[in-house]
């Protein structure tokens, strides 16, 4: 998956374009090797706005053309987004475009999918997922409410499908229960009511339920509609609550490169134990929830703390040979284990407030929704235990440092989706890293993660990361005179450039010293320049400060002056 260009007319946060002067940018290929797209600029320059815009377009297209979802056609910008995908070993060029508010999809410049009366597919009957990335995975070191809000729109749409299906079965069961102990004539009336209800639901929501196989004979009150399971949303906002989920899933799937990464870089040998704290009482009406709870109970090594009736409590899992044997019998593929647990986490949409849901139902940007990410979750992973290599001991996963958690979370997310056509959005991924990991971060990605299928966008303030990115792949952000986002290129080759060069040339720092000592140094030099201090006194006052290019230049200059004066005095005596 490779981004090619983006263009909008209208307004998305601080990004604005007009018919005469649209906002547009063409993403460039790296000339050799691999380099992620690197977004740099000062705080507030609009880096986050661009990655949120790209995610917003993809998520809008998914909502609009998914007949199970409800999608408001109220975007306040027109867009064109070009990218490449690899399908069946063939590279295809895809363009997402809005035409007077109606989205269209092009393949190699040929119109492929368009809207019919605002919704639906083209007569070609093409499946929309073939022309979208398989996944859009976003990671932020902090809580990026802009990104999480974009993905939450589709999460809410996904949950609404399940909720409507559950509501149907609840009402169907209530009507069917009335048949017990009734007179025959009344039974016929109730049966007809049930059939009328199913026909109405099928007519209003044809994409959510399958028609009965014998529909030519009419609806049968004894044969309920069958729900059509919605696909998981393509967007995943990865944060602390999903960290252990991805970590556990990769261990369970037996991904060897990820295990090598943990051993070589973090001294972790094995996953030995974890617990799932489930709060699913409000979701028991959803068939897929009931099915998954049954599987998890069968897989657990201890379920004494779990209430089978309320679906609340803790399931314990000892990761050993028996665990993997049962896992193989319950899941056709180990990767499905992750999808099922991720499915449970998406149920948190039920807990969002009416105001949050109202905001998320709009396709246009109104405001960031603060509480939808990291709030009440129906699934929490607790007491995860890992085995270290040296010393050979078992410890809690939570005892790892913030930097270790951050590195695991990023490499794990990249690894989990590396075989799919995936867009990764990493927002300041290096914030908790030590200097060594900051220097090695891009190299670690190249070493442990396949990047043939992926596009990685990194928003950063770090010269460590920028020095590992080719200049043609660097987007330099600034605000124009109107306060809107402007993207330019950098004037130097960033790949392999020194950090001081990047800090002064790209990040607009005129000096590379912290402000407090800088003020003290400048005060001393000001006294010296106004002849309030002698050469010797100025040098004495400057000696306690650490080495820097700027300070050493002035120190050496003063030393040379002292030496010249001493030499002149010696010559005078002669």
Protein backbone atom coordinates (compact mmCIF):
# COMPACT_ATOMS: atom_id res chain seq x y z
CA UNK A 1 0.00 0.00 0.00
CA UNK A 2 1.51 3.33 -1.07
CA UNK A 3 0.02 6.82 -0.89
CA UNK A 4 0.35 8.87 -4.08
CA UNK A 5 -1.48 12.16 -3.67
CA UNK A 6 -4.20 13.99 -1.78
CA UNK A 7 -6.35 16.96 -2.73
CA UNK A 8 -9.24 18.66 -0.97
CA UNK A 9 -11.53 21.59 -1.64
CA UNK A 10 -13.20 22.81 1.51
CA UNK A 11 -12.14 22.76 5.13
CA UNK A 12 -10.92 20.04 7.47
CA UNK A 13 -9.68 21.57 10.73
CA UNK A 14 -6.72 23.80 9.76
CA UNK A 15 -6.46 22.31 6.24
CA UNK A 16 -8.27 24.43 3.67
CA UNK A 17 -8.51 24.50 -0.11
CA UNK A 18 -10.59 26.36 -2.67
CA UNK A 19 -11.64 25.60 -6.25
CA UNK A 20 -8.99 28.01 -7.52
CA UNK A 21 -6.35 26.93 -5.06
CA UNK A 22 -7.07 23.46 -3.64
CA UNK A 23 -4.99 21.97 -0.86
CA UNK A 24 -2.94 19.24 -2.52
CA UNK A 25 0.22 17.26 -1.98
CA UNK A 26 1.98 14.55 -3.98
CA UNK A 27 3.77 11.89 -1.95
CA UNK A 28 7.13 10.94 -3.41
CA UNK A 29 8.87 7.58 -3.70
CA UNK A 30 12.18 7.09 -1.98
CA UNK A 31 15.04 6.85 -4.46
CA UNK A 32 16.65 3.82 -2.85
CA UNK A 33 15.99 1.47 0.04
CA UNK A 34 13.02 2.08 2.27
CA UNK A 35 11.99 5.22 4.11
CA UNK A 36 8.73 5.97 5.89
CA UNK A 37 6.86 9.20 5.27
CA UNK A 38 8.15 11.55 7.94
CA UNK A 39 6.04 14.54 9.02
CA UNK A 40 7.96 17.29 10.81
CA UNK A 41 7.15 20.78 12.03
CA UNK A 42 6.55 22.76 15.17
CA UNK A 43 3.62 22.07 17.49
CA UNK A 44 0.40 23.30 15.91
CA UNK A 45 1.81 23.24 12.37
CA UNK A 46 -0.85 20.77 11.20
CA UNK A 47 0.94 17.40 11.09
CA UNK A 48 -1.85 15.66 13.00
CA UNK A 49 -4.51 17.32 10.86
CA UNK A 50 -3.14 15.71 7.69
CA UNK A 51 -3.01 12.18 9.08
CA UNK A 52 -6.47 12.62 10.58
CA UNK A 53 -7.76 13.84 7.20
CA UNK A 54 -6.39 10.79 5.38
CA UNK A 55 -7.93 8.47 8.00
CA UNK A 56 -11.20 10.43 7.79
CA UNK A 57 -11.46 9.90 4.01
CA UNK A 58 -10.85 6.17 4.25
CA UNK A 59 -13.31 5.76 7.13
CA UNK A 60 -15.96 7.83 5.33
CA UNK A 61 -15.67 5.66 2.22
CA UNK A 62 -16.01 2.52 4.34
CA UNK A 63 -19.13 3.87 6.08
CA UNK A 64 -20.72 5.21 2.93
CA UNK A 65 -20.45 2.04 0.85
CA UNK A 66 -21.18 -0.38 3.70
CA UNK A 67 -24.92 -1.06 3.35
CA UNK A 68 -25.12 -2.19 6.97
CA UNK A 69 -23.95 1.20 8.23
CA UNK A 70 -25.78 4.49 8.57
CA UNK A 71 -23.67 7.28 7.08
CA UNK A 72 -24.56 10.96 7.03
CA UNK A 73 -23.62 12.54 3.73
CA UNK A 74 -22.57 15.84 5.29
CA UNK A 75 -18.82 16.19 4.68
CA UNK A 76 -17.80 19.83 4.30
CA UNK A 77 -14.96 19.12 1.87
CA UNK A 78 -14.50 17.45 -1.52
CA UNK A 79 -11.55 15.09 -1.83
CA UNK A 80 -9.31 13.11 -4.12
CA UNK A 81 -7.02 10.50 -2.57
CA UNK A 82 -4.76 8.40 -4.81
CA UNK A 83 -2.88 5.31 -3.67
CA UNK A 84 -1.61 1.94 -4.83
CA UNK A 85 -2.59 -1.51 -3.59
CA UNK A 86 -1.23 -4.95 -4.39
CA UNK A 87 -3.97 -7.46 -5.11
CA UNK A 88 -3.25 -10.98 -6.39
CA UNK A 89 0.36 -9.98 -7.08
CA UNK A 90 -0.84 -7.12 -9.28
CA UNK A 91 -0.41 -3.43 -8.47
CA UNK A 92 -3.56 -1.39 -8.95
CA UNK A 93 -3.95 2.38 -8.78
CA UNK A 94 -7.00 3.49 -6.80
CA UNK A 95 -8.55 6.94 -6.53
CA UNK A 96 -11.18 7.89 -3.98
CA UNK A 97 -13.07 10.97 -5.12
CA UNK A 98 -16.15 12.90 -4.09
CA UNK A 99 -18.36 14.35 -6.81
CA UNK A 100 -20.73 16.99 -5.43
CA UNK A 101 -20.68 15.20 -2.11
CA UNK A 102 -21.10 11.70 -3.57
CA UNK A 103 -18.06 9.43 -3.30
CA UNK A 104 -16.68 7.50 -6.26
CA UNK A 105 -13.94 4.91 -6.60
CA UNK A 106 -11.67 4.65 -9.64
CA UNK A 107 -9.30 1.86 -10.62
CA UNK A 108 -6.53 2.91 -12.99
CA UNK A 109 -8.56 6.07 -13.85
CA UNK A 110 -11.70 4.07 -14.77
CA UNK A 111 -14.84 4.73 -12.71
CA UNK A 112 -15.51 1.53 -10.81
CA UNK A 113 -17.90 2.24 -7.95
CA UNK A 114 -20.35 5.08 -7.57
CA UNK A 115 -23.32 5.87 -5.38
CA UNK A 116 -26.92 5.20 -6.30
CA UNK A 117 -29.36 7.57 -4.61
CA UNK A 118 -26.67 8.35 -2.11
CA UNK A 119 -25.87 4.74 -1.16
CA UNK A 120 -25.04 1.38 -2.69
CA UNK A 121 -22.67 -0.11 -5.22
CA UNK A 122 -22.25 0.27 -8.94
CA UNK A 123 -23.83 -2.24 -11.34
CA UNK A 124 -20.44 -3.94 -11.50
CA UNK A 125 -21.25 -5.43 -8.08
CA UNK A 126 -17.66 -4.97 -6.97
CA UNK A 127 -16.79 -5.63 -3.34
CA UNK A 128 -15.65 -2.39 -1.73
CA UNK A 129 -12.99 -4.00 0.47
CA UNK A 130 -10.88 -4.91 -2.56
CA UNK A 131 -10.18 -1.23 -3.17
CA UNK A 132 -9.53 -0.05 0.37
CA UNK A 133 -6.51 -0.85 2.55
CA UNK A 134 -7.01 -3.98 4.62
CA UNK A 135 -6.27 -1.98 7.75
CA UNK A 136 -5.50 1.51 8.94
CA UNK A 137 -3.63 1.27 12.23
CA UNK A 138 -2.89 4.40 14.25
CA UNK A 139 -0.65 4.71 17.28
CA UNK A 140 -0.17 7.81 19.42
CA UNK A 141 2.18 8.17 22.38
CA UNK A 142 -0.42 10.42 23.99
CA UNK A 143 -4.17 10.43 23.64
CA UNK A 144 -4.74 11.85 20.16
CA UNK A 145 -8.46 12.65 20.39
CA UNK A 146 -8.55 13.66 16.75
CA UNK A 147 -7.43 10.23 15.52
CA UNK A 148 -9.49 8.24 18.02
CA UNK A 149 -12.62 10.25 17.11
CA UNK A 150 -12.17 9.47 13.40
CA UNK A 151 -12.02 5.73 14.04
CA UNK A 152 -14.80 5.85 16.61
CA UNK A 153 -17.30 6.93 13.95
CA UNK A 154 -16.98 3.53 12.27
CA UNK A 155 -16.84 1.70 15.59
CA UNK A 156 -20.19 3.23 16.48
CA UNK A 157 -21.61 2.20 13.08
CA UNK A 158 -20.32 -1.34 13.61
CA UNK A 159 -21.85 -1.58 17.06
CA UNK A 160 -25.17 -0.15 15.84
CA UNK A 161 -25.50 -3.07 13.41
CA UNK A 162 -25.05 -5.59 16.22
CA UNK A 163 -27.42 -3.63 18.43
CA UNK A 164 -30.18 -3.64 15.80
CA UNK A 165 -29.73 -7.37 15.27
CA UNK A 166 -29.90 -8.00 19.02
CA UNK A 167 -33.03 -5.83 19.27
CA UNK A 168 -34.74 -7.91 16.58
CA UNK A 169 -34.05 -11.18 18.40
CA UNK A 170 -35.20 -9.69 21.70
CA UNK A 171 -38.51 -8.59 20.20
CA UNK A 172 -38.90 -11.85 18.29
CA UNK A 173 -38.43 -13.85 21.49
CA UNK A 174 -41.01 -11.71 23.30
CA UNK A 175 -43.59 -12.27 20.57
CA UNK A 176 -42.83 -15.97 20.35
CA UNK A 177 -43.19 -16.33 24.14
CA UNK A 178 -46.81 -15.15 23.83
CA UNK A 179 -47.67 -18.36 22.00
CA UNK A 180 -47.33 -20.42 25.15
CA UNK A 181 -50.69 -21.25 26.73
CA UNK A 182 -52.81 -19.31 24.21
CA UNK A 183 -56.00 -20.30 22.38
CA UNK A 184 -55.60 -21.47 18.79
CA UNK A 185 -57.30 -18.46 17.22
CA UNK A 186 -55.08 -16.07 19.16
CA UNK A 187 -52.06 -18.18 18.30
CA UNK A 188 -52.73 -17.59 14.63
CA UNK A 189 -52.88 -13.83 15.21
CA UNK A 190 -49.58 -13.86 17.12
CA UNK A 191 -47.92 -16.01 14.47
CA UNK A 192 -49.03 -13.58 11.81
CA UNK A 193 -47.68 -10.68 13.90
CA UNK A 194 -44.32 -12.47 14.11
CA UNK A 195 -44.26 -13.03 10.34
CA UNK A 196 -45.23 -9.39 9.68
CA UNK A 197 -42.51 -8.23 12.05
CA UNK A 198 -39.85 -10.33 10.31
CA UNK A 199 -40.99 -9.14 6.89
CA UNK A 200 -40.76 -5.51 8.04
CA UNK A 201 -37.28 -5.99 9.48
CA UNK A 202 -36.09 -7.78 6.34
CA UNK A 203 -37.51 -5.02 4.17
CA UNK A 204 -35.95 -2.20 6.22
CA UNK A 205 -32.59 -3.91 6.87
CA UNK A 206 -31.94 -6.35 3.99
CA UNK A 207 -28.17 -6.20 4.53
CA UNK A 208 -28.39 -7.17 8.21
CA UNK A 209 -30.45 -10.37 7.94
CA UNK A 210 -30.59 -13.30 5.56
CA UNK A 211 -33.94 -14.18 3.99
CA UNK A 212 -35.39 -17.57 4.96
CA UNK A 213 -34.40 -20.27 2.50
CA UNK A 214 -38.07 -21.13 1.82
CA UNK A 215 -39.29 -17.56 1.41
CA UNK A 216 -41.45 -18.49 -1.60
CA UNK A 217 -43.79 -20.15 0.88
CA UNK A 218 -43.90 -17.02 3.04
CA UNK A 219 -42.40 -16.28 6.46
CA UNK A 220 -42.65 -18.96 9.13
CA UNK A 221 -43.00 -17.77 12.73
CA UNK A 222 -40.98 -20.78 13.91
CA UNK A 223 -38.02 -19.85 11.71
CA UNK A 224 -36.29 -16.67 12.81
CA UNK A 225 -34.21 -14.45 10.53
CA UNK A 226 -30.47 -15.11 10.49
CA UNK A 227 -28.20 -12.14 11.13
CA UNK A 228 -25.35 -11.29 8.77
CA UNK A 229 -22.23 -10.62 10.84
CA UNK A 230 -20.64 -7.23 10.04
CA UNK A 231 -16.96 -7.08 9.15
CA UNK A 232 -14.65 -5.47 11.68
CA UNK A 233 -13.93 -1.81 10.89
CA UNK A 234 -10.73 -1.31 8.91
CA UNK A 235 -9.48 1.33 11.38
CA UNK A 236 -7.75 0.43 14.62
CA UNK A 237 -6.61 3.06 17.11
CA UNK A 238 -3.87 1.33 19.08
CA UNK A 239 -3.37 2.53 22.64
CA UNK A 240 -2.55 1.10 26.06
CA UNK A 241 -5.82 -0.87 26.24
CA UNK A 242 -4.95 -2.73 23.02
CA UNK A 243 -1.24 -3.11 23.80
CA UNK A 244 -1.49 -6.39 25.69
CA UNK A 245 -4.14 -7.68 23.29
CA UNK A 246 -1.75 -7.37 20.35
CA UNK A 247 1.18 -8.67 22.42
CA UNK A 248 -0.72 -11.78 23.52
CA UNK A 249 -2.14 -12.41 20.05
CA UNK A 250 1.30 -12.41 18.43
CA UNK A 251 2.65 -14.83 21.01
CA UNK A 252 -0.36 -17.07 20.55
CA UNK A 253 0.04 -16.97 16.75
CA UNK A 254 3.67 -18.07 17.13
CA UNK A 255 5.19 -15.23 15.09
CA UNK A 256 8.89 -16.08 15.16
CA UNK A 257 10.30 -12.69 14.15
CA UNK A 258 8.32 -10.98 16.89
CA UNK A 259 9.63 -13.50 19.41
CA UNK A 260 13.18 -12.84 18.16
CA UNK A 261 12.59 -9.10 18.65
CA UNK A 262 11.45 -9.65 22.24
CA UNK A 263 14.45 -11.85 23.03
CA UNK A 264 17.09 -9.70 21.35
CA UNK A 265 15.87 -6.26 22.33
CA UNK A 266 13.84 -6.74 25.52
CA UNK A 267 15.08 -9.94 27.17
CA UNK A 268 11.59 -11.54 27.03
CA UNK A 269 11.47 -15.27 26.35
CA UNK A 270 7.84 -16.33 26.75
CA UNK A 271 4.25 -15.49 27.64
CA UNK A 272 3.13 -17.73 30.51
CA UNK A 273 -0.19 -16.44 31.85
CA UNK A 274 -2.90 -13.79 31.46
CA UNK A 275 -6.41 -13.01 32.65
CA UNK A 276 -9.43 -11.56 30.90
CA UNK A 277 -11.65 -9.38 33.06
CA UNK A 278 -14.99 -9.41 31.20
CA UNK A 279 -17.97 -7.14 31.78
CA UNK A 280 -20.46 -8.41 29.20
CA UNK A 281 -23.80 -8.46 31.02
CA UNK A 282 -25.22 -5.76 28.73
CA UNK A 283 -24.26 -7.71 25.59
CA UNK A 284 -25.76 -11.14 26.25
CA UNK A 285 -28.43 -10.56 23.60
CA UNK A 286 -25.78 -10.64 20.85
CA UNK A 287 -25.31 -14.17 19.51
CA UNK A 288 -21.66 -13.69 18.65
CA UNK A 289 -20.94 -12.52 22.21
CA UNK A 290 -22.51 -15.66 23.67
CA UNK A 291 -20.57 -17.87 21.26
CA UNK A 292 -17.27 -16.18 22.06
CA UNK A 293 -17.80 -16.38 25.83
CA UNK A 294 -18.37 -20.13 25.51
CA UNK A 295 -15.11 -20.50 23.57
CA UNK A 296 -13.15 -18.45 26.10
CA UNK A 297 -14.52 -20.49 29.00
CA UNK A 298 -13.43 -23.69 27.22
CA UNK A 299 -9.96 -22.21 26.59
CA UNK A 300 -9.44 -20.90 30.12
CA UNK A 301 -7.53 -22.83 32.75
CA UNK A 302 -9.71 -21.41 35.53
CA UNK A 303 -13.19 -19.84 35.34
CA UNK A 304 -14.24 -20.04 38.98
CA UNK A 305 -14.33 -16.22 39.18
CA UNK A 306 -16.57 -15.91 36.12
CA UNK A 307 -20.38 -15.81 36.36
CA UNK A 308 -21.89 -17.81 33.49
CA UNK A 309 -25.26 -16.08 33.91
CA UNK A 310 -24.18 -12.43 34.07
CA UNK A 311 -21.14 -12.80 31.76
CA UNK A 312 -19.13 -10.83 34.29
CA UNK A 313 -15.91 -11.91 35.96
CA UNK A 314 -12.38 -13.12 35.36
CA UNK A 315 -11.14 -15.94 33.14
CA UNK A 316 -7.58 -17.18 33.71
CA UNK A 317 -5.37 -18.60 30.95
CA UNK A 318 -2.21 -20.61 31.54
CA UNK A 319 -0.25 -20.55 28.28
CA UNK A 320 1.09 -24.08 27.96
CA UNK A 321 0.76 -27.12 25.72
CA UNK A 322 -2.85 -27.75 26.78
CA UNK A 323 -3.74 -24.12 25.98
CA UNK A 324 -2.52 -24.44 22.41
CA UNK A 325 -4.27 -27.78 21.90
CA UNK A 326 -7.61 -26.36 22.96
CA UNK A 327 -6.97 -23.19 20.95
CA UNK A 328 -6.47 -25.22 17.77
CA UNK A 329 -9.78 -27.01 18.33
CA UNK A 330 -11.76 -23.82 19.00
CA UNK A 331 -10.35 -21.51 16.31
CA UNK A 332 -9.73 -22.51 12.71
CA UNK A 333 -6.78 -20.12 12.63
CA UNK A 334 -4.82 -18.64 15.53
CA UNK A 335 -5.18 -15.15 14.06
CA UNK A 336 -8.94 -15.40 14.63
CA UNK A 337 -8.25 -15.34 18.37
CA UNK A 338 -7.10 -11.72 18.03
CA UNK A 339 -10.10 -10.76 15.89
CA UNK A 340 -12.54 -12.20 18.41
CA UNK A 341 -10.95 -10.37 21.34
CA UNK A 342 -10.78 -7.16 19.33
CA UNK A 343 -14.48 -7.63 18.57
CA UNK A 344 -15.23 -7.65 22.30
CA UNK A 345 -13.33 -4.41 22.87
CA UNK A 346 -15.42 -2.68 20.18
CA UNK A 347 -18.51 -3.21 22.33
CA UNK A 348 -17.38 -0.25 24.45
CA UNK A 349 -19.40 1.94 22.05
CA UNK A 350 -22.50 1.03 24.02
CA UNK A 351 -21.16 3.02 26.99
CA UNK A 352 -20.57 6.26 25.12
CA UNK A 353 -22.81 9.16 26.13
CA UNK A 354 -25.73 10.33 23.93
CA UNK A 355 -23.82 13.54 23.19
CA UNK A 356 -20.72 11.61 22.12
CA UNK A 357 -22.80 9.35 19.89
CA UNK A 358 -24.60 12.34 18.34
CA UNK A 359 -21.29 13.96 17.47
CA UNK A 360 -19.87 10.75 16.01
CA UNK A 361 -22.90 10.17 13.78
CA UNK A 362 -22.00 13.24 11.74
CA UNK A 363 -19.50 12.69 8.93
CA UNK A 364 -18.16 16.22 9.17
CA UNK A 365 -15.80 17.37 11.87
CA UNK A 366 -17.62 19.07 14.73
CA UNK A 367 -15.23 18.49 17.60
CA UNK A 368 -12.91 15.85 19.00
CA UNK A 369 -14.67 13.39 21.30
CA UNK A 370 -12.56 12.96 24.40
CA UNK A 371 -13.89 9.90 26.20
CA UNK A 372 -14.45 7.26 23.52
CA UNK A 373 -10.92 5.88 23.68
CA UNK A 374 -9.55 4.32 26.82
CA UNK A 375 -12.82 4.54 28.74
CA UNK A 376 -15.00 1.75 30.07
CA UNK A 377 -14.14 -1.45 28.25
CA UNK A 378 -16.08 -4.72 28.30
CA UNK A 379 -12.71 -6.53 28.15
CA UNK A 380 -9.57 -5.81 30.14
CA UNK A 381 -6.40 -7.90 30.08
CA UNK A 382 -4.85 -8.15 33.53
CA UNK A 383 -2.07 -9.98 35.36
CA UNK A 384 -0.16 -10.82 32.21
CA UNK A 385 2.98 -12.73 33.11
CA UNK A 386 6.13 -13.12 31.04
CA UNK A 387 9.33 -15.11 31.43
CA UNK A 388 12.64 -13.27 31.13
CA UNK A 389 15.83 -14.72 29.68
CA UNK A 390 18.32 -13.23 32.16
CA UNK A 391 17.61 -13.69 34.95
CA UNK A 392 15.41 -16.71 34.20
CA UNK A 393 12.42 -15.48 36.21
CA UNK A 394 8.72 -14.78 35.72
CA UNK A 395 7.46 -11.22 36.11
CA UNK A 396 4.41 -9.12 35.37
CA UNK A 397 4.17 -7.47 31.97
CA UNK A 398 3.06 -4.26 33.70
CA UNK A 399 6.47 -3.98 35.37
CA UNK A 400 8.12 -3.12 32.07
CA UNK A 401 8.99 0.54 31.60
CA UNK A 402 6.91 2.98 29.56
CA UNK A 403 9.56 2.93 26.85
CA UNK A 404 9.53 -0.87 26.68
CA UNK A 405 5.73 -0.93 26.49
CA UNK A 406 5.83 1.69 23.75
CA UNK A 407 8.40 -0.16 21.64
CA UNK A 408 6.54 -3.47 22.03
CA UNK A 409 3.22 -1.88 21.12
CA UNK A 410 4.56 -0.28 17.93
CA UNK A 411 6.59 -3.25 16.67
CA UNK A 412 3.74 -5.62 17.60
CA UNK A 413 1.13 -3.60 15.69
CA UNK A 414 3.42 -3.34 12.65
CA UNK A 415 4.12 -7.08 12.81
CA UNK A 416 0.49 -8.13 13.28
CA UNK A 417 -0.60 -6.48 10.04
CA UNK A 418 2.61 -6.69 8.01
CA UNK A 419 1.19 -9.26 5.54
CA UNK A 420 -1.78 -7.07 4.67
CA UNK A 421 -2.17 -3.86 2.69
CA UNK A 422 -1.92 -1.54 5.67
CA UNK A 423 -1.51 2.15 6.35
CA UNK A 424 0.28 2.78 9.65
CA UNK A 425 0.02 6.16 11.35
CA UNK A 426 2.55 6.69 14.13
CA UNK A 427 2.10 9.93 16.06
CA UNK A 428 5.30 10.78 17.97
CA UNK A 429 6.17 7.11 18.55
CA UNK A 430 9.54 7.83 20.20
CA UNK A 431 8.41 9.92 23.17
CA UNK A 432 9.38 7.38 25.89
CA UNK A 433 12.43 5.88 24.17
CA UNK A 434 15.96 6.14 25.49
CA UNK A 435 18.47 7.79 23.09
CA UNK A 436 19.71 4.42 21.80
CA UNK A 437 16.22 3.27 20.79
CA UNK A 438 15.52 6.65 19.17
CA UNK A 439 18.60 6.22 17.02
CA UNK A 440 17.75 2.59 16.19
CA UNK A 441 13.95 2.90 15.81
CA UNK A 442 13.73 2.93 11.99
CA UNK A 443 16.39 0.22 11.80
CA UNK A 444 14.41 -1.94 14.24
CA UNK A 445 11.35 -1.62 12.01
CA UNK A 446 13.38 -2.64 8.96
CA UNK A 447 14.98 -5.52 10.84
CA UNK A 448 11.88 -7.12 12.34
CA UNK A 449 8.95 -5.99 10.19
CA UNK A 450 8.27 -6.62 6.51
CA UNK A 451 7.36 -3.33 4.85
CA UNK A 452 6.55 -4.50 1.31
CA UNK A 453 2.80 -4.11 1.84
CA UNK A 454 2.73 -1.14 4.15
CA UNK A 455 2.87 2.62 4.14
CA UNK A 456 4.19 4.09 7.38
CA UNK A 457 3.56 7.74 8.27
CA UNK A 458 5.50 9.06 11.25
CA UNK A 459 4.75 12.42 12.84
CA UNK A 460 7.74 13.42 14.94
CA UNK A 461 9.79 16.17 16.55
CA UNK A 462 12.84 13.92 16.80
CA UNK A 463 16.04 14.52 14.79
CA UNK A 464 16.90 10.90 15.65
CA UNK A 465 14.06 9.62 13.46
CA UNK A 466 14.40 12.33 10.82
CA UNK A 467 18.05 11.39 10.28
CA UNK A 468 16.91 7.89 9.23
CA UNK A 469 14.41 9.19 6.63
CA UNK A 470 15.16 10.22 3.06
CA UNK A 471 14.52 13.90 2.33
CA UNK A 472 12.13 13.19 -0.56
CA UNK A 473 9.88 11.43 1.96
CA UNK A 474 9.93 14.28 4.49
CA UNK A 475 6.93 16.61 4.72
CA UNK A 476 7.82 19.92 6.39
CA UNK A 477 4.74 21.57 7.94
CA UNK A 478 4.12 25.23 8.59
CA UNK A 479 1.16 27.59 8.79
CA UNK A 480 0.58 30.18 6.05
CA UNK A 481 -0.41 33.79 6.66
CA UNK A 482 -4.07 32.73 6.98
CA UNK A 483 -3.26 30.17 9.68
CA UNK A 484 -3.85 27.19 7.38
CA UNK A 485 -1.58 24.19 6.83
CA UNK A 486 1.17 24.51 4.26
CA UNK A 487 3.48 21.60 3.36
CA UNK A 488 6.92 22.11 1.90
CA UNK A 489 10.11 20.16 1.34
CA UNK A 490 13.37 20.39 3.25
CA UNK A 491 16.42 22.06 1.72
CA UNK A 492 18.96 19.42 2.72
CA UNK A 493 19.39 15.67 2.58
CA UNK A 494 18.05 14.46 5.90
CA UNK A 495 19.18 10.83 5.59
CA UNK A 496 22.35 10.57 7.64
CA UNK A 497 22.38 14.26 8.60
CA UNK A 498 23.69 15.12 12.07
CA UNK A 499 21.22 16.00 14.77
CA UNK A 500 22.54 19.53 15.28
CA UNK A 501 22.18 20.20 11.54
CA UNK A 502 18.58 18.96 11.56
CA UNK A 503 17.66 20.87 14.71
CA UNK A 504 18.90 24.16 13.27
CA UNK A 505 17.79 23.62 9.64
CA UNK A 506 14.44 21.82 10.06
CA UNK A 507 13.27 22.60 13.59
CA UNK A 508 14.34 26.27 13.52
CA UNK A 509 16.56 26.18 16.62
CA UNK A 510 19.27 28.82 16.49
CA UNK A 511 21.10 27.30 19.48
CA UNK A 512 21.22 23.82 20.93
CA UNK A 513 21.35 24.61 24.64
CA UNK A 514 18.53 24.44 27.14
CA UNK A 515 16.97 27.83 27.82
CA UNK A 516 17.89 28.25 31.52
CA UNK A 517 21.67 27.75 31.17
CA UNK A 518 21.53 29.65 27.87
CA UNK A 519 20.14 32.71 29.67
CA UNK A 520 22.84 32.44 32.33
CA UNK A 521 25.60 32.12 29.70
CA UNK A 522 24.25 35.09 27.76
CA UNK A 523 24.14 37.19 30.94
CA UNK A 524 27.80 36.40 31.66
CA UNK A 525 28.82 37.17 28.07
CA UNK A 526 26.85 40.40 28.15
CA UNK A 527 28.76 41.49 31.26
CA UNK A 528 31.99 40.55 29.51
CA UNK A 529 31.10 42.35 26.25
CA UNK A 530 30.23 45.53 28.21
CA UNK A 531 33.59 45.22 30.00
CA UNK A 532 32.01 44.63 33.41
CA UNK A 533 34.03 41.39 33.65
CA UNK A 534 37.70 40.85 32.94
CA UNK A 535 38.87 38.08 30.62
CA UNK A 536 39.89 35.92 33.55
CA UNK A 537 36.65 36.49 35.54
CA UNK A 538 34.48 35.74 32.49
CA UNK A 539 36.38 32.52 31.82
CA UNK A 540 36.03 31.46 35.45
CA UNK A 541 32.26 32.04 35.36
CA UNK A 542 31.90 30.08 32.10
CA UNK A 543 33.95 27.06 33.26
CA UNK A 544 31.09 25.28 35.20
CA UNK A 545 28.90 24.94 32.07
CA UNK A 546 28.99 21.83 29.93
CA UNK A 547 30.53 21.69 26.46
CA UNK A 548 28.64 23.05 23.47
CA UNK A 549 29.76 24.41 20.12
CA UNK A 550 28.58 27.94 20.85
CA UNK A 551 30.08 28.13 24.36
CA UNK A 552 33.36 26.50 23.39
CA UNK A 553 33.74 29.05 20.59
CA UNK A 554 33.53 31.96 23.08
CA UNK A 555 35.66 30.19 25.71
CA UNK A 556 38.44 29.58 23.19
CA UNK A 557 38.20 33.13 21.95
CA UNK A 558 38.65 34.47 25.50
CA UNK A 559 41.53 32.05 26.12
CA UNK A 560 43.21 33.26 22.93
CA UNK A 561 42.80 36.86 24.05
CA UNK A 562 44.37 36.02 27.43
CA UNK A 563 47.19 34.15 25.67
CA UNK A 564 47.79 37.05 23.26
CA UNK A 565 47.92 39.53 26.14
CA UNK A 566 50.33 37.30 28.02
CA UNK A 567 52.52 36.96 24.94
CA UNK A 568 52.48 40.72 24.39
CA UNK A 569 53.49 41.29 28.02
CA UNK A 570 56.35 38.85 27.66
CA UNK A 571 57.57 40.59 24.50
CA UNK A 572 57.33 43.98 26.25
CA UNK A 573 59.53 42.77 29.05
CA UNK A 574 62.05 41.55 26.52
